[in-house]
Structures are given as structure tokens and as C-alpha cells.
Amino acid sequence: MPDLHFELVTPEKLVRSEDVYMVVVPGVEGDFGAMAGHAPVMTVVKDGELKVYKTQGAQPESIAVSGGFAEVSGKGLTILAESAGA
């Protein structure tokens, strides 16, 4: 399966821009996993942790996020977070 282009942006800077296998997002309506080919969706992100899977079967990398929005489109997943850290 092709990779998902993932970008994590805060008001201060572009935190990440890379191709990954999957990202699990803490949405206010529940956590969801975004992969290549995911249907377009936009949701509010709650305080929590993104789980970034670089490859299928890999251990996830956790990134703490605080608030913001997530958009999945044909271009990939973009998260606009109020703040983000490791």
C-alpha cells in the first residue's frame, strides 16, 4: 500500500513532514487511524498522543498534541495543533 503523507504543524513551526504507513489521531469523536486511501474527513483533535507508524508492523512513535484540527484529504493527513512535543 502506498504511504500516507503526514504533516504536523503548530503556530510556531512545521514539526513533521514525512511519508508514513499510518497515524492514529486522538479525535474528539474517538481515535481514528489514517492510512493512504482514507476517505476525506476533518475533525477536532483533543489533547492526547498521535501514534505514528512509519511502516506496517512497526512500533509506533508517540507525539503529544494539544488541541487543533486534523484533515485527511487526497494529499494526506495534516494536523494543525495548538502545541506538539515528543
PDB file of N, CA and C in Angstrom:
ATOM      1  N   MET A   1       0.846  -1.180   0.000  1.00  0.00           N
ATOM      2  CA  MET A   1       0.000   0.000   0.000  1.00  0.00           C
ATOM      3  C   MET A   1       0.887   1.237   0.000  1.00  0.00           C
ATOM      4  N   PRO A   2       0.510   2.263  -0.754  1.00  0.00           N
ATOM      5  CA  PRO A   2       1.331   3.485  -0.776  1.00  0.00           C
ATOM      6  C   PRO A   2       1.342   4.166   0.592  1.00  0.00           C
ATOM      7  N   ASP A   3       2.332   4.992   0.793  1.00  0.00           N
ATOM      8  CA  ASP A   3       2.464   5.695   2.065  1.00  0.00           C
ATOM      9  C   ASP A   3       1.513   6.880   2.151  1.00  0.00           C
ATOM     10  N   LEU A   4       1.246   7.290   3.386  1.00  0.00           N
ATOM     11  CA  LEU A   4       0.428   8.448   3.696  1.00  0.00           C
ATOM     12  C   LEU A   4       1.359   9.620   3.949  1.00  0.00           C
ATOM     13  N   HIS A   5       1.120  10.754   3.282  1.00  0.00           N
ATOM     14  CA  HIS A   5       1.922  11.944   3.580  1.00  0.00           C
ATOM     15  C   HIS A   5       1.339  12.593   4.832  1.00  0.00           C
ATOM     16  N   PHE A   6       2.185  12.799   5.848  1.00  0.00           N
ATOM     17  CA  PHE A   6       1.768  13.295   7.149  1.00  0.00           C
ATOM     18  C   PHE A   6       2.490  14.595   7.456  1.00  0.00           C
ATOM     19  N   GLU A   7       1.708  15.617   7.829  1.00  0.00           N
ATOM     20  CA  GLU A   7       2.293  16.883   8.267  1.00  0.00           C
ATOM     21  C   GLU A   7       1.688  17.275   9.602  1.00  0.00           C
ATOM     22  N   LEU A   8       2.555  17.676  10.526  1.00  0.00           N
ATOM     23  CA  LEU A   8       2.150  18.172  11.835  1.00  0.00           C
ATOM     24  C   LEU A   8       2.661  19.598  11.945  1.00  0.00           C
ATOM     25  N   VAL A   9       1.721  20.532  12.142  1.00  0.00           N
ATOM     26  CA  VAL A   9       2.051  21.951  12.137  1.00  0.00           C
ATOM     27  C   VAL A   9       1.525  22.599  13.414  1.00  0.00           C
ATOM     28  N   THR A  10       2.340  23.467  14.022  1.00  0.00           N
ATOM     29  CA  THR A  10       1.908  24.286  15.154  1.00  0.00           C
ATOM     30  C   THR A  10       2.004  25.742  14.716  1.00  0.00           C
ATOM     31  N   PRO A  11       1.477  26.679  15.501  1.00  0.00           N
ATOM     32  CA  PRO A  11       1.616  28.083  15.121  1.00  0.00           C
ATOM     33  C   PRO A  11       3.071  28.532  14.978  1.00  0.00           C
ATOM     34  N   GLU A  12       3.981  27.851  15.672  1.00  0.00           N
ATOM     35  CA  GLU A  12       5.388  28.243  15.638  1.00  0.00           C
ATOM     36  C   GLU A  12       6.156  27.677  14.451  1.00  0.00           C
ATOM     37  N   LYS A  13       5.812  26.408  14.049  1.00  0.00           N
ATOM     38  CA  LYS A  13       6.653  25.781  13.030  1.00  0.00           C
ATOM     39  C   LYS A  13       6.014  24.526  12.437  1.00  0.00           C
ATOM     40  N   LEU A  14       6.618  24.055  11.374  1.00  0.00           N
ATOM     41  CA  LEU A  14       6.297  22.752  10.798  1.00  0.00           C
ATOM     42  C   LEU A  14       7.091  21.732  11.609  1.00  0.00           C
ATOM     43  N   VAL A  15       6.387  20.886  12.364  1.00  0.00           N
ATOM     44  CA  VAL A  15       7.034  19.930  13.253  1.00  0.00           C
ATOM     45  C   VAL A  15       7.465  18.686  12.491  1.00  0.00           C
ATOM     46  N   ARG A  16       6.602  18.179  11.609  1.00  0.00           N
ATOM     47  CA  ARG A  16       6.886  16.966  10.827  1.00  0.00           C
ATOM     48  C   ARG A  16       6.326  17.110   9.428  1.00  0.00           C
ATOM     49  N   SER A  17       7.011  16.537   8.487  1.00  0.00           N
ATOM     50  CA  SER A  17       6.519  16.395   7.120  1.00  0.00           C
ATOM     51  C   SER A  17       7.222  15.171   6.554  1.00  0.00           C
ATOM     52  N   GLU A  18       6.477  14.051   6.510  1.00  0.00           N
ATOM     53  CA  GLU A  18       7.095  12.803   6.073  1.00  0.00           C
ATOM     54  C   GLU A  18       6.028  11.828   5.588  1.00  0.00           C
ATOM     55  N   ASP A  19       6.477  10.802   4.892  1.00  0.00           N
ATOM     56  CA  ASP A  19       5.595   9.731   4.456  1.00  0.00           C
ATOM     57  C   ASP A  19       5.655   8.616   5.491  1.00  0.00           C
ATOM     58  N   VAL A  20       4.480   8.159   5.929  1.00  0.00           N
ATOM     59  CA  VAL A  20       4.382   7.125   6.956  1.00  0.00           C
ATOM     60  C   VAL A  20       3.349   6.094   6.530  1.00  0.00           C
ATOM     61  N   TYR A  21       3.273   5.002   7.277  1.00  0.00           N
ATOM     62  CA  TYR A  21       2.290   3.962   6.993  1.00  0.00           C
ATOM     63  C   TYR A  21       0.911   4.342   7.531  1.00  0.00           C
ATOM     64  N   MET A  22       0.864   4.784   8.818  1.00  0.00           N
ATOM     65  CA  MET A  22      -0.410   5.109   9.449  1.00  0.00           C
ATOM     66  C   MET A  22      -0.180   6.044  10.629  1.00  0.00           C
ATOM     67  N   VAL A  23      -1.180   6.893  10.897  1.00  0.00           N
ATOM     68  CA  VAL A  23      -1.171   7.749  12.082  1.00  0.00           C
ATOM     69  C   VAL A  23      -2.507   7.569  12.791  1.00  0.00           C
ATOM     70  N   VAL A  24      -2.452   7.303  14.105  1.00  0.00           N
ATOM     71  CA  VAL A  24      -3.668   7.224  14.915  1.00  0.00           C
ATOM     72  C   VAL A  24      -3.820   8.584  15.598  1.00  0.00           C
ATOM     73  N   VAL A  25      -4.977   9.220  15.345  1.00  0.00           N
ATOM     74  CA  VAL A  25      -5.244  10.588  15.782  1.00  0.00           C
ATOM     75  C   VAL A  25      -6.263  10.587  16.919  1.00  0.00           C
ATOM     76  N   PRO A  26      -6.007  11.337  18.009  1.00  0.00           N
ATOM     77  CA  PRO A  26      -6.986  11.441  19.085  1.00  0.00           C
ATOM     78  C   PRO A  26      -8.060  12.478  18.746  1.00  0.00           C
ATOM     79  N   GLY A  27      -9.108  12.052  18.073  1.00  0.00           N
ATOM     80  CA  GLY A  27     -10.190  12.958  17.701  1.00  0.00           C
ATOM     81  C   GLY A  27     -11.207  13.085  18.818  1.00  0.00           C
ATOM     82  N   VAL A  28     -11.959  14.187  18.834  1.00  0.00           N
ATOM     83  CA  VAL A  28     -12.954  14.392  19.890  1.00  0.00           C
ATOM     84  C   VAL A  28     -14.089  13.380  19.794  1.00  0.00           C
ATOM     85  N   GLU A  29     -14.308  12.798  18.633  1.00  0.00           N
ATOM     86  CA  GLU A  29     -15.355  11.789  18.468  1.00  0.00           C
ATOM     87  C   GLU A  29     -14.787  10.372  18.564  1.00  0.00           C
ATOM     88  N   GLY A  30     -13.531  10.280  18.978  1.00  0.00           N
ATOM     89  CA  GLY A  30     -12.865   8.993  19.112  1.00  0.00           C
ATOM     90  C   GLY A  30     -11.587   8.963  18.305  1.00  0.00           C
ATOM     91  N   ASP A  31     -10.668   8.106  18.708  1.00  0.00           N
ATOM     92  CA  ASP A  31      -9.410   7.958  17.981  1.00  0.00           C
ATOM     93  C   ASP A  31      -9.690   7.294  16.635  1.00  0.00           C
ATOM     94  N   PHE A  32      -8.923   7.691  15.608  1.00  0.00           N
ATOM     95  CA  PHE A  32      -9.052   7.043  14.310  1.00  0.00           C
ATOM     96  C   PHE A  32      -7.691   6.909  13.662  1.00  0.00           C
ATOM     97  N   GLY A  33      -7.539   5.865  12.868  1.00  0.00           N
ATOM     98  CA  GLY A  33      -6.305   5.626  12.144  1.00  0.00           C
ATOM     99  C   GLY A  33      -6.434   6.111  10.718  1.00  0.00           C
ATOM    100  N   ALA A  34      -5.480   6.926  10.277  1.00  0.00           N
ATOM    101  CA  ALA A  34      -5.463   7.423   8.906  1.00  0.00           C
ATOM    102  C   ALA A  34      -4.347   6.720   8.143  1.00  0.00           C
ATOM    103  N   MET A  35      -4.721   6.165   6.992  1.00  0.00           N
ATOM    104  CA  MET A  35      -3.768   5.494   6.105  1.00  0.00           C
ATOM    105  C   MET A  35      -3.981   6.034   4.698  1.00  0.00           C
ATOM    106  N   ALA A  36      -3.088   5.712   3.797  1.00  0.00           N
ATOM    107  CA  ALA A  36      -3.264   6.102   2.399  1.00  0.00           C
ATOM    108  C   ALA A  36      -4.610   5.574   1.915  1.00  0.00           C
ATOM    109  N   GLY A  37      -5.351   6.393   1.178  1.00  0.00           N
ATOM    110  CA  GLY A  37      -6.647   5.986   0.654  1.00  0.00           C
ATOM    111  C   GLY A  37      -7.803   6.228   1.604  1.00  0.00           C
ATOM    112  N   HIS A  38      -7.530   6.816   2.778  1.00  0.00           N
ATOM    113  CA  HIS A  38      -8.589   7.108   3.753  1.00  0.00           C
ATOM    114  C   HIS A  38      -9.577   8.103   3.140  1.00  0.00           C
ATOM    115  N   ALA A  39     -10.837   7.947   3.462  1.00  0.00           N
ATOM    116  CA  ALA A  39     -11.862   8.886   2.999  1.00  0.00           C
ATOM    117  C   ALA A  39     -11.575  10.279   3.564  1.00  0.00           C
ATOM    118  N   PRO A  40     -11.889  11.325   2.805  1.00  0.00           N
ATOM    119  CA  PRO A  40     -11.675  12.685   3.311  1.00  0.00           C
ATOM    120  C   PRO A  40     -12.495  12.930   4.582  1.00  0.00           C
ATOM    121  N   VAL A  41     -11.868  13.560   5.549  1.00  0.00           N
ATOM    122  CA  VAL A  41     -12.531  13.870   6.813  1.00  0.00           C
ATOM    123  C   VAL A  41     -11.804  15.031   7.474  1.00  0.00           C
ATOM    124  N   MET A  42     -12.559  15.803   8.246  1.00  0.00           N
ATOM    125  CA  MET A  42     -11.959  16.865   9.054  1.00  0.00           C
ATOM    126  C   MET A  42     -12.565  16.750  10.440  1.00  0.00           C
ATOM    127  N   THR A  43     -11.721  16.834  11.483  1.00  0.00           N
ATOM    128  CA  THR A  43     -12.214  16.688  12.850  1.00  0.00           C
ATOM    129  C   THR A  43     -11.380  17.534  13.799  1.00  0.00           C
ATOM    130  N   VAL A  44     -11.924  17.748  14.968  1.00  0.00           N
ATOM    131  CA  VAL A  44     -11.212  18.453  16.035  1.00  0.00           C
ATOM    132  C   VAL A  44     -10.347  17.428  16.765  1.00  0.00           C
ATOM    133  N   VAL A  45      -9.125  17.832  17.083  1.00  0.00           N
ATOM    134  CA  VAL A  45      -8.183  16.968  17.809  1.00  0.00           C
ATOM    135  C   VAL A  45      -8.267  17.314  19.292  1.00  0.00           C
ATOM    136  N   LYS A  46      -8.376  16.279  20.128  1.00  0.00           N
ATOM    137  CA  LYS A  46      -8.354  16.503  21.580  1.00  0.00           C
ATOM    138  C   LYS A  46      -6.923  16.341  22.082  1.00  0.00           C
ATOM    139  N   ASP A  47      -6.679  16.823  23.278  1.00  0.00           N
ATOM    140  CA  ASP A  47      -5.359  16.651  23.896  1.00  0.00           C
ATOM    141  C   ASP A  47      -5.087  15.154  24.026  1.00  0.00           C
ATOM    142  N   GLY A  48      -3.930  14.743  23.596  1.00  0.00           N
ATOM    143  CA  GLY A  48      -3.583  13.332  23.658  1.00  0.00           C
ATOM    144  C   GLY A  48      -2.299  13.059  22.911  1.00  0.00           C
ATOM    145  N   GLU A  49      -2.175  11.833  22.397  1.00  0.00           N
ATOM    146  CA  GLU A  49      -0.959  11.440  21.695  1.00  0.00           C
ATOM    147  C   GLU A  49      -1.280  10.913  20.311  1.00  0.00           C
ATOM    148  N   LEU A  50      -0.538  11.419  19.331  1.00  0.00           N
ATOM    149  CA  LEU A  50      -0.558  10.826  18.000  1.00  0.00           C
ATOM    150  C   LEU A  50       0.294   9.576  18.068  1.00  0.00           C
ATOM    151  N   LYS A  51      -0.099   8.550  17.372  1.00  0.00           N
ATOM    152  CA  LYS A  51       0.720   7.337  17.255  1.00  0.00           C
ATOM    153  C   LYS A  51       1.112   7.233  15.785  1.00  0.00           C
ATOM    154  N   VAL A  52       2.402   7.390  15.513  1.00  0.00           N
ATOM    155  CA  VAL A  52       2.908   7.405  14.142  1.00  0.00           C
ATOM    156  C   VAL A  52       3.594   6.074  13.849  1.00  0.00           C
ATOM    157  N   TYR A  53       3.058   5.344  12.876  1.00  0.00           N
ATOM    158  CA  TYR A  53       3.633   4.064  12.440  1.00  0.00           C
ATOM    159  C   TYR A  53       4.371   4.319  11.127  1.00  0.00           C
ATOM    160  N   LYS A  54       5.695   4.254  11.166  1.00  0.00           N
ATOM    161  CA  LYS A  54       6.479   4.536   9.955  1.00  0.00           C
ATOM    162  C   LYS A  54       6.314   3.457   8.900  1.00  0.00           C
ATOM    163  N   THR A  55       6.180   2.197   9.343  1.00  0.00           N
ATOM    164  CA  THR A  55       5.977   1.079   8.418  1.00  0.00           C
ATOM    165  C   THR A  55       4.964   0.126   9.027  1.00  0.00           C
ATOM    166  N   GLN A  56       4.415  -0.738   8.197  1.00  0.00           N
ATOM    167  CA  GLN A  56       3.451  -1.724   8.679  1.00  0.00           C
ATOM    168  C   GLN A  56       4.124  -2.636   9.696  1.00  0.00           C
ATOM    169  N   GLY A  57       3.490  -2.840  10.843  1.00  0.00           N
ATOM    170  CA  GLY A  57       4.036  -3.712  11.871  1.00  0.00           C
ATOM    171  C   GLY A  57       5.072  -3.069  12.778  1.00  0.00           C
ATOM    172  N   ALA A  58       5.434  -1.807  12.503  1.00  0.00           N
ATOM    173  CA  ALA A  58       6.439  -1.114  13.317  1.00  0.00           C
ATOM    174  C   ALA A  58       5.844  -0.687  14.650  1.00  0.00           C
ATOM    175  N   GLN A  59       6.699  -0.468  15.633  1.00  0.00           N
ATOM    176  CA  GLN A  59       6.266   0.108  16.900  1.00  0.00           C
ATOM    177  C   GLN A  59       5.955   1.588  16.666  1.00  0.00           C
ATOM    178  N   PRO A  60       4.878   2.095  17.243  1.00  0.00           N
ATOM    179  CA  PRO A  60       4.526   3.493  16.996  1.00  0.00           C
ATOM    180  C   PRO A  60       5.405   4.460  17.776  1.00  0.00           C
ATOM    181  N   GLU A  61       5.570   5.631  17.188  1.00  0.00           N
ATOM    182  CA  GLU A  61       6.212   6.748  17.873  1.00  0.00           C
ATOM    183  C   GLU A  61       5.083   7.627  18.391  1.00  0.00           C
ATOM    184  N   SER A  62       5.158   8.042  19.647  1.00  0.00           N
ATOM    185  CA  SER A  62       4.121   8.884  20.233  1.00  0.00           C
ATOM    186  C   SER A  62       4.542  10.347  20.194  1.00  0.00           C
ATOM    187  N   ILE A  63       3.595  11.196  19.814  1.00  0.00           N
ATOM    188  CA  ILE A  63       3.828  12.639  19.820  1.00  0.00           C
ATOM    189  C   ILE A  63       2.648  13.278  20.550  1.00  0.00           C
ATOM    190  N   ALA A  64       2.930  13.957  21.655  1.00  0.00           N
ATOM    191  CA  ALA A  64       1.876  14.626  22.417  1.00  0.00           C
ATOM    192  C   ALA A  64       1.375  15.833  21.631  1.00  0.00           C
ATOM    193  N   VAL A  65       0.052  15.980  21.563  1.00  0.00           N
ATOM    194  CA  VAL A  65      -0.549  17.141  20.904  1.00  0.00           C
ATOM    195  C   VAL A  65      -1.590  17.750  21.820  1.00  0.00           C
ATOM    196  N   SER A  66      -1.780  19.038  21.647  1.00  0.00           N
ATOM    197  CA  SER A  66      -2.771  19.760  22.422  1.00  0.00           C
ATOM    198  C   SER A  66      -3.675  20.513  21.466  1.00  0.00           C
ATOM    199  N   GLY A  67      -4.937  20.096  21.386  1.00  0.00           N
ATOM    200  CA  GLY A  67      -5.930  20.791  20.582  1.00  0.00           C
ATOM    201  C   GLY A  67      -5.592  20.907  19.116  1.00  0.00           C
ATOM    202  N   GLY A  68      -6.526  21.461  18.366  1.00  0.00           N
ATOM    203  CA  GLY A  68      -6.307  21.716  16.960  1.00  0.00           C
ATOM    204  C   GLY A  68      -7.279  20.967  16.074  1.00  0.00           C
ATOM    205  N   PHE A  69      -6.874  20.788  14.824  1.00  0.00           N
ATOM    206  CA  PHE A  69      -7.702  20.151  13.810  1.00  0.00           C
ATOM    207  C   PHE A  69      -6.896  19.139  13.018  1.00  0.00           C
ATOM    208  N   ALA A  70      -7.578  18.124  12.507  1.00  0.00           N
ATOM    209  CA  ALA A  70      -6.952  17.135  11.624  1.00  0.00           C
ATOM    210  C   ALA A  70      -7.767  17.083  10.340  1.00  0.00           C
ATOM    211  N   GLU A  71      -7.076  17.054   9.218  1.00  0.00           N
ATOM    212  CA  GLU A  71      -7.741  16.933   7.924  1.00  0.00           C
ATOM    213  C   GLU A  71      -7.079  15.826   7.120  1.00  0.00           C
ATOM    214  N   VAL A  72      -7.901  14.880   6.666  1.00  0.00           N
ATOM    215  CA  VAL A  72      -7.439  13.853   5.750  1.00  0.00           C
ATOM    216  C   VAL A  72      -8.004  14.209   4.383  1.00  0.00           C
ATOM    217  N   SER A  73      -7.124  14.274   3.385  1.00  0.00           N
ATOM    218  CA  SER A  73      -7.552  14.589   2.026  1.00  0.00           C
ATOM    219  C   SER A  73      -6.749  13.717   1.063  1.00  0.00           C
ATOM    220  N   GLY A  74      -6.947  13.938  -0.201  1.00  0.00           N
ATOM    221  CA  GLY A  74      -6.187  13.216  -1.206  1.00  0.00           C
ATOM    222  C   GLY A  74      -4.690  13.481  -1.114  1.00  0.00           C
ATOM    223  N   LYS A  75      -4.318  14.575  -0.453  1.00  0.00           N
ATOM    224  CA  LYS A  75      -2.902  14.930  -0.290  1.00  0.00           C
ATOM    225  C   LYS A  75      -2.275  14.268   0.936  1.00  0.00           C
ATOM    226  N   GLY A  76      -3.108  13.708   1.826  1.00  0.00           N
ATOM    227  CA  GLY A  76      -2.586  13.064   3.023  1.00  0.00           C
ATOM    228  C   GLY A  76      -3.268  13.561   4.275  1.00  0.00           C
ATOM    229  N   LEU A  77      -2.550  13.505   5.399  1.00  0.00           N
ATOM    230  CA  LEU A  77      -3.064  13.921   6.705  1.00  0.00           C
ATOM    231  C   LEU A  77      -2.305  15.152   7.164  1.00  0.00           C
ATOM    232  N   THR A  78      -3.060  16.206   7.475  1.00  0.00           N
ATOM    233  CA  THR A  78      -2.468  17.417   8.037  1.00  0.00           C
ATOM    234  C   THR A  78      -3.093  17.655   9.396  1.00  0.00           C
ATOM    235  N   ILE A  79      -2.242  17.838  10.400  1.00  0.00           N
ATOM    236  CA  ILE A  79      -2.716  18.162  11.736  1.00  0.00           C
ATOM    237  C   ILE A  79      -2.206  19.550  12.084  1.00  0.00           C
ATOM    238  N   LEU A  80      -3.154  20.439  12.392  1.00  0.00           N
ATOM    239  CA  LEU A  80      -2.841  21.776  12.852  1.00  0.00           C
ATOM    240  C   LEU A  80      -3.093  21.783  14.356  1.00  0.00           C
ATOM    241  N   ALA A  81      -2.034  21.671  15.131  1.00  0.00           N
ATOM    242  CA  ALA A  81      -2.142  21.542  16.586  1.00  0.00           C
ATOM    243  C   ALA A  81      -1.771  22.844  17.280  1.00  0.00           C
ATOM    244  N   GLU A  82      -2.401  23.096  18.424  1.00  0.00           N
ATOM    245  CA  GLU A  82      -2.039  24.259  19.216  1.00  0.00           C
ATOM    246  C   GLU A  82      -0.610  24.131  19.723  1.00  0.00           C
ATOM    247  N   SER A  83      -0.243  22.896  20.111  1.00  0.00           N
ATOM    248  CA  SER A  83       1.146  22.620  20.505  1.00  0.00           C
ATOM    249  C   SER A  83       1.418  21.140  20.287  1.00  0.00           C
ATOM    250  N   ALA A  84       2.688  20.813  20.117  1.00  0.00           N
ATOM    251  CA  ALA A  84       3.105  19.434  19.901  1.00  0.00           C
ATOM    252  C   ALA A  84       4.500  19.234  20.468  1.00  0.00           C
ATOM    253  N   GLY A  85       4.723  18.062  21.039  1.00  0.00           N
ATOM    254  CA  GLY A  85       6.033  17.749  21.588  1.00  0.00           C
ATOM    255  C   GLY A  85       6.231  16.259  21.623  1.00  0.00           C
ATOM    256  N   ALA A  86       7.433  15.819  21.890  1.00  0.00           N
ATOM    257  CA  ALA A  86       7.746  14.388  21.889  1.00  0.00           C
ATOM    258  C   ALA A  86       7.205  13.689  23.104  1.00  0.00           C
TER     259      ALA A  86
END
